[in-house]
């Protein structure tokens, strides 16, 4: 019996390692900020990487404002954002705070703003995002998943 438990636990550990971003798969797709022409697009590159970008529609033209990445590395899930006109174009990393279970809270306390980017899943079609700085001050918005036509 003891060897069966060890085998089951080992298989569970291996399966978790094979897809460390399984809890974030709902990110995949195109999300639209409610009441705005702002979007976030995510696609899975592998079981350990999601890539994305944010854009706005201006005069029916896509204007990309930032590139995004969520990657599993060195045992942590890291969110990376690169905004061309901020931080001298450098990528800023935020590590998932796994002690928070009410949302996915990516944090970097050393960054000026934001220090936290939080995604709260309400359903497969709706998420709420908090972008927070010092003393958890910042802004928030909701996004809905766009329907895709195959």
N, C-alpha and C. Protein backbone atom coordinates (compact mmCIF):
# COMPACT_ATOMS: atom_id res chain seq x y z
N UNK A 1 0.83 -1.20 0.00
CA UNK A 1 0.00 0.00 0.00
C UNK A 1 0.87 1.26 0.00
N UNK A 2 1.93 1.22 0.82
CA UNK A 2 2.81 2.38 0.90
C UNK A 2 3.45 2.68 -0.45
N UNK A 3 3.86 1.63 -1.18
CA UNK A 3 4.49 1.86 -2.49
C UNK A 3 3.47 2.39 -3.50
N UNK A 4 2.20 2.00 -3.37
CA UNK A 4 1.16 2.52 -4.26
C UNK A 4 0.97 4.02 -4.03
N UNK A 5 0.95 4.45 -2.80
CA UNK A 5 0.80 5.87 -2.47
C UNK A 5 1.98 6.67 -3.01
N UNK A 6 3.18 6.14 -2.82
CA UNK A 6 4.38 6.82 -3.33
C UNK A 6 4.33 6.92 -4.85
N UNK A 7 3.90 5.85 -5.52
CA UNK A 7 3.79 5.86 -6.98
C UNK A 7 2.78 6.90 -7.45
N UNK A 8 1.62 6.96 -6.82
CA UNK A 8 0.59 7.91 -7.19
C UNK A 8 1.08 9.34 -6.98
N UNK A 9 1.71 9.60 -5.84
CA UNK A 9 2.23 10.94 -5.58
C UNK A 9 3.32 11.32 -6.58
N UNK A 10 4.15 10.38 -6.94
CA UNK A 10 5.20 10.64 -7.93
C UNK A 10 4.60 10.98 -9.28
N UNK A 11 3.58 10.23 -9.68
CA UNK A 11 2.92 10.51 -10.96
C UNK A 11 2.25 11.88 -10.95
N UNK A 12 1.64 12.24 -9.82
CA UNK A 12 1.03 13.57 -9.71
C UNK A 12 2.08 14.66 -9.82
N UNK A 13 3.20 14.48 -9.16
CA UNK A 13 4.28 15.47 -9.21
C UNK A 13 4.81 15.62 -10.63
N UNK A 14 4.97 14.51 -11.33
CA UNK A 14 5.46 14.55 -12.71
C UNK A 14 4.46 15.25 -13.61
N UNK A 15 3.16 14.94 -13.44
CA UNK A 15 2.16 15.56 -14.32
C UNK A 15 2.07 17.06 -14.06
N UNK A 16 2.25 17.49 -12.82
CA UNK A 16 2.25 18.93 -12.52
C UNK A 16 3.45 19.61 -13.16
N UNK A 17 4.59 18.93 -13.15
CA UNK A 17 5.78 19.50 -13.74
C UNK A 17 5.66 19.59 -15.26
N UNK A 18 4.89 18.67 -15.87
CA UNK A 18 4.76 18.66 -17.31
C UNK A 18 3.94 19.84 -17.81
N UNK A 19 3.02 20.35 -17.00
CA UNK A 19 2.21 21.49 -17.41
C UNK A 19 2.06 22.45 -16.23
N UNK A 20 3.12 23.17 -15.92
CA UNK A 20 3.08 24.05 -14.74
C UNK A 20 2.13 25.24 -14.89
N UNK A 21 1.70 25.55 -16.11
CA UNK A 21 0.81 26.68 -16.33
C UNK A 21 -0.64 26.23 -16.56
N UNK A 22 -0.96 25.00 -16.16
CA UNK A 22 -2.31 24.49 -16.43
C UNK A 22 -3.41 25.37 -15.82
N UNK A 23 -3.15 25.99 -14.68
CA UNK A 23 -4.15 26.87 -14.06
C UNK A 23 -4.34 28.17 -14.83
N UNK A 24 -3.44 28.47 -15.75
CA UNK A 24 -3.50 29.72 -16.50
C UNK A 24 -3.93 29.52 -17.95
N UNK A 25 -4.32 28.32 -18.31
CA UNK A 25 -4.70 28.04 -19.69
C UNK A 25 -5.90 28.87 -20.14
N UNK A 26 -6.74 29.29 -19.19
CA UNK A 26 -7.90 30.10 -19.55
C UNK A 26 -7.49 31.45 -20.16
N UNK A 27 -6.24 31.88 -19.96
CA UNK A 27 -5.75 33.13 -20.55
C UNK A 27 -5.81 33.09 -22.07
N UNK A 28 -5.63 31.90 -22.65
CA UNK A 28 -5.54 31.78 -24.11
C UNK A 28 -6.74 32.40 -24.80
N UNK A 29 -6.45 33.21 -25.81
CA UNK A 29 -7.50 33.84 -26.58
C UNK A 29 -7.37 35.35 -26.58
N UNK A 30 -8.41 36.00 -27.06
CA UNK A 30 -8.44 37.46 -27.14
C UNK A 30 -9.44 37.99 -26.12
N UNK A 31 -8.98 38.93 -25.32
CA UNK A 31 -9.79 39.54 -24.26
C UNK A 31 -9.97 41.02 -24.57
N UNK A 32 -11.17 41.53 -24.36
CA UNK A 32 -11.48 42.93 -24.64
C UNK A 32 -11.85 43.65 -23.34
N UNK A 33 -11.25 44.82 -23.14
CA UNK A 33 -11.61 45.64 -21.98
C UNK A 33 -13.05 46.12 -22.19
N UNK A 34 -13.87 45.96 -21.17
CA UNK A 34 -15.26 46.38 -21.29
C UNK A 34 -15.34 47.88 -21.59
N UNK A 35 -16.15 48.21 -22.57
CA UNK A 35 -16.44 49.59 -22.97
C UNK A 35 -15.25 50.34 -23.56
N UNK A 36 -14.22 49.63 -24.01
CA UNK A 36 -13.05 50.27 -24.63
C UNK A 36 -12.57 49.44 -25.80
N UNK A 37 -11.83 50.05 -26.66
CA UNK A 37 -11.23 49.34 -27.79
C UNK A 37 -9.80 48.93 -27.43
N UNK A 38 -9.66 48.31 -26.26
CA UNK A 38 -8.37 47.81 -25.78
C UNK A 38 -8.47 46.30 -25.62
N UNK A 39 -7.40 45.60 -26.01
CA UNK A 39 -7.43 44.15 -26.06
C UNK A 39 -6.14 43.57 -25.48
N UNK A 40 -6.24 42.31 -25.06
CA UNK A 40 -5.09 41.54 -24.64
C UNK A 40 -5.23 40.18 -25.32
N UNK A 41 -4.17 39.73 -25.97
CA UNK A 41 -4.20 38.46 -26.70
C UNK A 41 -3.14 37.54 -26.10
N UNK A 42 -3.53 36.30 -25.83
CA UNK A 42 -2.61 35.31 -25.27
C UNK A 42 -2.65 34.03 -26.10
N UNK A 43 -1.49 33.43 -26.27
CA UNK A 43 -1.43 32.11 -26.91
C UNK A 43 -0.40 31.26 -26.19
N UNK A 44 -0.67 29.96 -26.18
CA UNK A 44 0.24 29.03 -25.54
C UNK A 44 1.36 28.68 -26.52
N UNK A 45 2.58 28.84 -26.06
CA UNK A 45 3.75 28.47 -26.86
C UNK A 45 4.15 27.04 -26.52
N UNK A 46 4.07 26.72 -25.23
CA UNK A 46 4.40 25.38 -24.75
C UNK A 46 3.71 25.20 -23.40
N UNK A 47 3.95 24.07 -22.76
CA UNK A 47 3.34 23.85 -21.44
C UNK A 47 3.94 24.75 -20.38
N UNK A 48 5.06 25.39 -20.69
CA UNK A 48 5.70 26.25 -19.71
C UNK A 48 5.80 27.71 -20.16
N UNK A 49 5.05 28.07 -21.23
CA UNK A 49 5.13 29.46 -21.70
C UNK A 49 3.85 29.89 -22.42
N UNK A 50 3.38 31.08 -22.03
CA UNK A 50 2.31 31.78 -22.73
C UNK A 50 2.90 33.09 -23.22
N UNK A 51 2.55 33.49 -24.43
CA UNK A 51 2.99 34.79 -24.95
C UNK A 51 1.76 35.60 -25.28
N UNK A 52 1.91 36.92 -25.13
CA UNK A 52 0.78 37.77 -25.42
C UNK A 52 1.20 39.19 -25.76
N UNK A 53 0.18 39.99 -26.02
CA UNK A 53 0.41 41.41 -26.27
C UNK A 53 -0.89 42.15 -26.01
N UNK A 54 -0.74 43.43 -25.71
CA UNK A 54 -1.89 44.33 -25.53
C UNK A 54 -1.91 45.29 -26.70
N UNK A 55 -3.11 45.62 -27.14
CA UNK A 55 -3.22 46.60 -28.22
C UNK A 55 -4.51 47.38 -28.09
N UNK A 56 -4.53 48.51 -28.78
CA UNK A 56 -5.72 49.35 -28.87
C UNK A 56 -6.06 49.49 -30.34
N UNK A 57 -7.34 49.59 -30.62
CA UNK A 57 -7.78 49.89 -31.97
C UNK A 57 -7.94 51.40 -32.08
N UNK A 58 -7.14 52.00 -32.93
CA UNK A 58 -7.20 53.45 -33.16
C UNK A 58 -7.43 53.64 -34.65
N UNK A 59 -8.57 54.23 -34.98
CA UNK A 59 -8.97 54.38 -36.39
C UNK A 59 -8.90 53.04 -37.11
N UNK A 60 -9.41 52.01 -36.44
CA UNK A 60 -9.47 50.64 -36.96
C UNK A 60 -8.10 50.02 -37.24
N UNK A 61 -7.06 50.60 -36.66
CA UNK A 61 -5.72 50.05 -36.81
C UNK A 61 -5.21 49.58 -35.45
N UNK A 62 -4.58 48.40 -35.45
CA UNK A 62 -4.02 47.82 -34.22
C UNK A 62 -2.76 48.55 -33.83
N UNK A 63 -2.72 49.10 -32.60
CA UNK A 63 -1.52 49.74 -32.06
C UNK A 63 -1.08 48.95 -30.83
N UNK A 64 -0.03 48.15 -30.99
CA UNK A 64 0.46 47.32 -29.89
C UNK A 64 1.13 48.21 -28.86
N UNK A 65 0.72 48.04 -27.60
CA UNK A 65 1.28 48.88 -26.53
C UNK A 65 2.27 48.12 -25.64
N UNK A 66 2.13 46.81 -25.56
CA UNK A 66 3.09 46.03 -24.76
C UNK A 66 3.09 44.58 -25.20
N UNK A 67 4.24 43.94 -24.99
CA UNK A 67 4.35 42.50 -25.20
C UNK A 67 4.40 41.84 -23.83
N UNK A 68 3.84 40.64 -23.77
CA UNK A 68 3.68 39.95 -22.49
C UNK A 68 4.16 38.51 -22.60
N UNK A 69 4.52 37.96 -21.46
CA UNK A 69 4.93 36.57 -21.41
C UNK A 69 4.67 36.05 -20.01
N UNK A 70 4.19 34.83 -19.92
CA UNK A 70 4.12 34.12 -18.65
C UNK A 70 4.90 32.84 -18.86
N UNK A 71 5.88 32.62 -18.00
CA UNK A 71 6.79 31.49 -18.19
C UNK A 71 7.07 30.83 -16.85
N UNK A 72 7.25 29.53 -16.89
CA UNK A 72 7.66 28.78 -15.70
C UNK A 72 9.16 28.60 -15.80
N UNK A 73 9.89 29.18 -14.82
CA UNK A 73 11.33 29.04 -14.82
C UNK A 73 11.85 29.01 -13.38
N UNK A 74 12.83 28.18 -13.16
CA UNK A 74 13.46 28.05 -11.84
C UNK A 74 12.43 27.82 -10.74
N UNK A 75 11.38 27.05 -11.04
CA UNK A 75 10.39 26.70 -10.04
C UNK A 75 9.34 27.76 -9.76
N UNK A 76 9.35 28.87 -10.49
CA UNK A 76 8.38 29.95 -10.29
C UNK A 76 7.67 30.30 -11.59
N UNK A 77 6.47 30.85 -11.45
CA UNK A 77 5.74 31.36 -12.60
C UNK A 77 5.97 32.86 -12.65
N UNK A 78 6.49 33.33 -13.80
CA UNK A 78 6.90 34.72 -13.94
C UNK A 78 6.13 35.37 -15.09
N UNK A 79 5.60 36.56 -14.82
CA UNK A 79 4.89 37.39 -15.81
C UNK A 79 5.86 38.47 -16.23
N UNK A 80 6.06 38.64 -17.53
CA UNK A 80 6.98 39.65 -18.03
C UNK A 80 6.22 40.61 -18.95
N UNK A 81 6.45 41.88 -18.74
CA UNK A 81 5.82 42.91 -19.57
C UNK A 81 6.90 43.83 -20.12
N UNK A 82 6.79 44.12 -21.40
CA UNK A 82 7.70 45.05 -22.06
C UNK A 82 6.86 46.13 -22.72
N UNK A 83 7.05 47.36 -22.25
CA UNK A 83 6.34 48.51 -22.80
C UNK A 83 7.40 49.40 -23.42
N UNK A 84 7.28 49.64 -24.72
CA UNK A 84 8.36 50.33 -25.43
C UNK A 84 8.66 51.73 -24.90
N UNK A 85 7.66 52.45 -24.42
CA UNK A 85 7.91 53.82 -23.95
C UNK A 85 8.01 53.92 -22.43
N UNK A 86 8.27 52.81 -21.76
CA UNK A 86 8.46 52.82 -20.31
C UNK A 86 9.69 52.00 -19.94
N UNK A 87 10.31 52.33 -18.83
CA UNK A 87 11.46 51.59 -18.33
C UNK A 87 12.57 51.46 -19.37
N UNK A 88 12.70 52.47 -20.21
CA UNK A 88 13.70 52.48 -21.28
C UNK A 88 13.58 51.24 -22.17
N UNK A 89 12.35 50.74 -22.32
CA UNK A 89 12.09 49.57 -23.15
C UNK A 89 12.48 48.25 -22.53
N UNK A 90 12.94 48.28 -21.28
CA UNK A 90 13.35 47.05 -20.61
C UNK A 90 12.14 46.24 -20.16
N UNK A 91 12.29 44.93 -20.16
CA UNK A 91 11.25 44.03 -19.68
C UNK A 91 11.24 44.04 -18.16
N UNK A 92 10.04 44.08 -17.58
CA UNK A 92 9.88 44.03 -16.13
C UNK A 92 9.23 42.71 -15.77
N UNK A 93 9.80 42.01 -14.80
CA UNK A 93 9.29 40.70 -14.38
C UNK A 93 8.53 40.80 -13.07
N UNK A 94 7.47 40.00 -12.97
CA UNK A 94 6.62 39.91 -11.79
C UNK A 94 6.44 38.43 -11.49
N UNK A 95 6.69 38.02 -10.26
CA UNK A 95 6.60 36.62 -9.88
C UNK A 95 5.24 36.33 -9.25
N UNK A 96 4.66 35.19 -9.62
CA UNK A 96 3.36 34.81 -9.07
C UNK A 96 3.49 34.58 -7.57
N UNK A 97 2.63 35.25 -6.79
CA UNK A 97 2.56 35.05 -5.35
C UNK A 97 1.60 33.88 -5.12
N UNK A 98 2.15 32.71 -4.92
CA UNK A 98 1.33 31.50 -4.81
C UNK A 98 0.62 31.39 -3.47
N UNK A 99 0.89 32.29 -2.54
CA UNK A 99 0.19 32.25 -1.24
C UNK A 99 -1.19 32.90 -1.34
N UNK A 100 -1.47 33.57 -2.45
CA UNK A 100 -2.78 34.20 -2.65
C UNK A 100 -3.61 33.28 -3.54
N UNK A 101 -4.75 32.83 -3.04
CA UNK A 101 -5.55 31.91 -3.85
C UNK A 101 -6.82 32.55 -4.41
N UNK A 102 -7.07 33.82 -4.11
CA UNK A 102 -8.27 34.48 -4.62
C UNK A 102 -8.08 35.04 -6.03
N UNK A 103 -6.82 35.13 -6.47
CA UNK A 103 -6.52 35.63 -7.81
C UNK A 103 -5.08 35.23 -8.15
N UNK A 104 -4.69 35.49 -9.38
CA UNK A 104 -3.31 35.30 -9.79
C UNK A 104 -2.62 36.64 -9.62
N UNK A 105 -1.80 36.75 -8.57
CA UNK A 105 -1.16 38.01 -8.22
C UNK A 105 0.32 37.95 -8.57
N UNK A 106 0.68 38.63 -9.66
CA UNK A 106 2.07 38.70 -10.10
C UNK A 106 2.67 39.95 -9.47
N UNK A 107 3.80 39.79 -8.76
CA UNK A 107 4.30 40.89 -7.93
C UNK A 107 5.79 41.17 -8.14
N UNK A 108 6.12 42.45 -8.05
CA UNK A 108 7.50 42.92 -8.07
C UNK A 108 7.53 44.18 -7.19
N UNK A 109 7.82 44.01 -5.92
CA UNK A 109 7.79 45.12 -4.96
C UNK A 109 8.88 46.16 -5.22
N UNK A 110 9.89 45.81 -6.03
CA UNK A 110 10.96 46.75 -6.31
C UNK A 110 10.63 47.69 -7.47
N UNK A 111 9.60 47.38 -8.22
CA UNK A 111 9.23 48.22 -9.36
C UNK A 111 8.40 49.40 -8.87
N UNK A 112 8.53 50.54 -9.53
CA UNK A 112 7.80 51.73 -9.07
C UNK A 112 6.29 51.57 -9.28
N UNK A 113 5.87 51.31 -10.51
CA UNK A 113 4.46 51.07 -10.79
C UNK A 113 4.35 50.33 -12.11
N UNK A 114 3.58 49.28 -12.12
CA UNK A 114 2.88 48.67 -11.00
C UNK A 114 3.81 47.77 -10.20
N UNK A 115 3.35 47.43 -9.02
CA UNK A 115 4.04 46.45 -8.19
C UNK A 115 3.29 45.12 -8.19
N UNK A 116 2.01 45.19 -8.53
CA UNK A 116 1.19 43.98 -8.61
C UNK A 116 0.30 44.07 -9.84
N UNK A 117 0.21 42.96 -10.54
CA UNK A 117 -0.76 42.81 -11.62
C UNK A 117 -1.56 41.57 -11.26
N UNK A 118 -2.83 41.77 -11.00
CA UNK A 118 -3.67 40.68 -10.50
C UNK A 118 -4.78 40.36 -11.49
N UNK A 119 -4.91 39.08 -11.80
CA UNK A 119 -5.97 38.59 -12.66
C UNK A 119 -6.90 37.73 -11.81
N UNK A 120 -8.17 38.09 -11.79
CA UNK A 120 -9.17 37.29 -11.07
C UNK A 120 -10.15 36.74 -12.09
N UNK A 121 -10.25 35.44 -12.14
CA UNK A 121 -11.13 34.77 -13.08
C UNK A 121 -12.53 34.68 -12.49
N UNK A 122 -13.51 35.28 -13.18
CA UNK A 122 -14.90 35.16 -12.75
C UNK A 122 -15.57 34.00 -13.46
N UNK A 123 -15.19 33.78 -14.72
CA UNK A 123 -15.71 32.66 -15.51
C UNK A 123 -14.75 32.45 -16.66
N UNK A 124 -15.06 31.49 -17.51
CA UNK A 124 -14.22 31.26 -18.69
C UNK A 124 -14.28 32.46 -19.64
N UNK A 125 -15.27 33.33 -19.45
CA UNK A 125 -15.48 34.45 -20.37
C UNK A 125 -15.23 35.82 -19.75
N UNK A 126 -14.94 35.88 -18.45
CA UNK A 126 -14.77 37.18 -17.81
C UNK A 126 -13.67 37.14 -16.74
N UNK A 127 -12.79 38.15 -16.82
CA UNK A 127 -11.75 38.32 -15.81
C UNK A 127 -11.72 39.77 -15.35
N UNK A 128 -11.17 39.96 -14.17
CA UNK A 128 -11.02 41.29 -13.60
C UNK A 128 -9.54 41.50 -13.33
N UNK A 129 -9.00 42.65 -13.69
CA UNK A 129 -7.58 42.93 -13.52
C UNK A 129 -7.39 44.13 -12.61
N UNK A 130 -6.50 43.98 -11.63
CA UNK A 130 -6.07 45.07 -10.77
C UNK A 130 -4.61 45.37 -11.12
N UNK A 131 -4.31 46.64 -11.30
CA UNK A 131 -2.93 47.08 -11.55
C UNK A 131 -2.61 48.01 -10.39
N UNK A 132 -1.74 47.53 -9.49
CA UNK A 132 -1.56 48.21 -8.21
C UNK A 132 -0.12 48.62 -7.96
N UNK A 133 0.03 49.73 -7.25
CA UNK A 133 1.34 50.21 -6.85
C UNK A 133 1.46 50.20 -5.34
N UNK A 134 2.20 51.16 -4.83
CA UNK A 134 2.42 51.29 -3.40
C UNK A 134 1.09 51.42 -2.66
N UNK A 135 1.00 50.76 -1.52
CA UNK A 135 -0.23 50.75 -0.70
C UNK A 135 -1.44 50.22 -1.47
N UNK A 136 -1.19 49.39 -2.47
CA UNK A 136 -2.26 48.79 -3.30
C UNK A 136 -3.16 49.82 -3.96
N UNK A 137 -2.59 50.98 -4.30
CA UNK A 137 -3.34 51.99 -5.03
C UNK A 137 -3.06 51.81 -6.52
N UNK A 138 -4.10 52.00 -7.33
CA UNK A 138 -3.94 51.85 -8.76
C UNK A 138 -5.27 51.91 -9.47
N UNK A 139 -5.47 51.02 -10.40
CA UNK A 139 -6.71 51.01 -11.15
C UNK A 139 -7.09 49.57 -11.47
N UNK A 140 -8.33 49.39 -11.88
CA UNK A 140 -8.80 48.06 -12.24
C UNK A 140 -9.78 48.14 -13.40
N UNK A 141 -9.98 47.03 -14.05
CA UNK A 141 -10.91 46.94 -15.17
C UNK A 141 -11.29 45.49 -15.38
N UNK A 142 -12.36 45.28 -16.11
CA UNK A 142 -12.82 43.94 -16.45
C UNK A 142 -12.62 43.70 -17.93
N UNK A 143 -12.40 42.43 -18.26
CA UNK A 143 -12.24 42.03 -19.66
C UNK A 143 -13.17 40.85 -19.94
N UNK A 144 -13.66 40.80 -21.16
CA UNK A 144 -14.48 39.67 -21.60
C UNK A 144 -13.80 39.02 -22.78
N UNK A 145 -13.94 37.71 -22.84
CA UNK A 145 -13.29 36.95 -23.91
C UNK A 145 -14.07 37.13 -25.20
N UNK A 146 -13.34 37.42 -26.25
CA UNK A 146 -13.94 37.58 -27.57
C UNK A 146 -14.21 36.20 -28.16
N UNK A 147 -15.31 36.09 -28.87
CA UNK A 147 -15.62 34.85 -29.56
C UNK A 147 -14.67 34.69 -30.73
N UNK A 148 -14.19 33.49 -30.93
CA UNK A 148 -13.33 33.22 -32.08
C UNK A 148 -14.11 32.46 -33.14
N UNK A 149 -13.85 32.76 -34.37
CA UNK A 149 -14.50 32.09 -35.48
C UNK A 149 -13.47 31.22 -36.17
N UNK A 150 -13.73 29.93 -36.17
CA UNK A 150 -12.78 29.00 -36.80
C UNK A 150 -13.07 28.80 -38.26
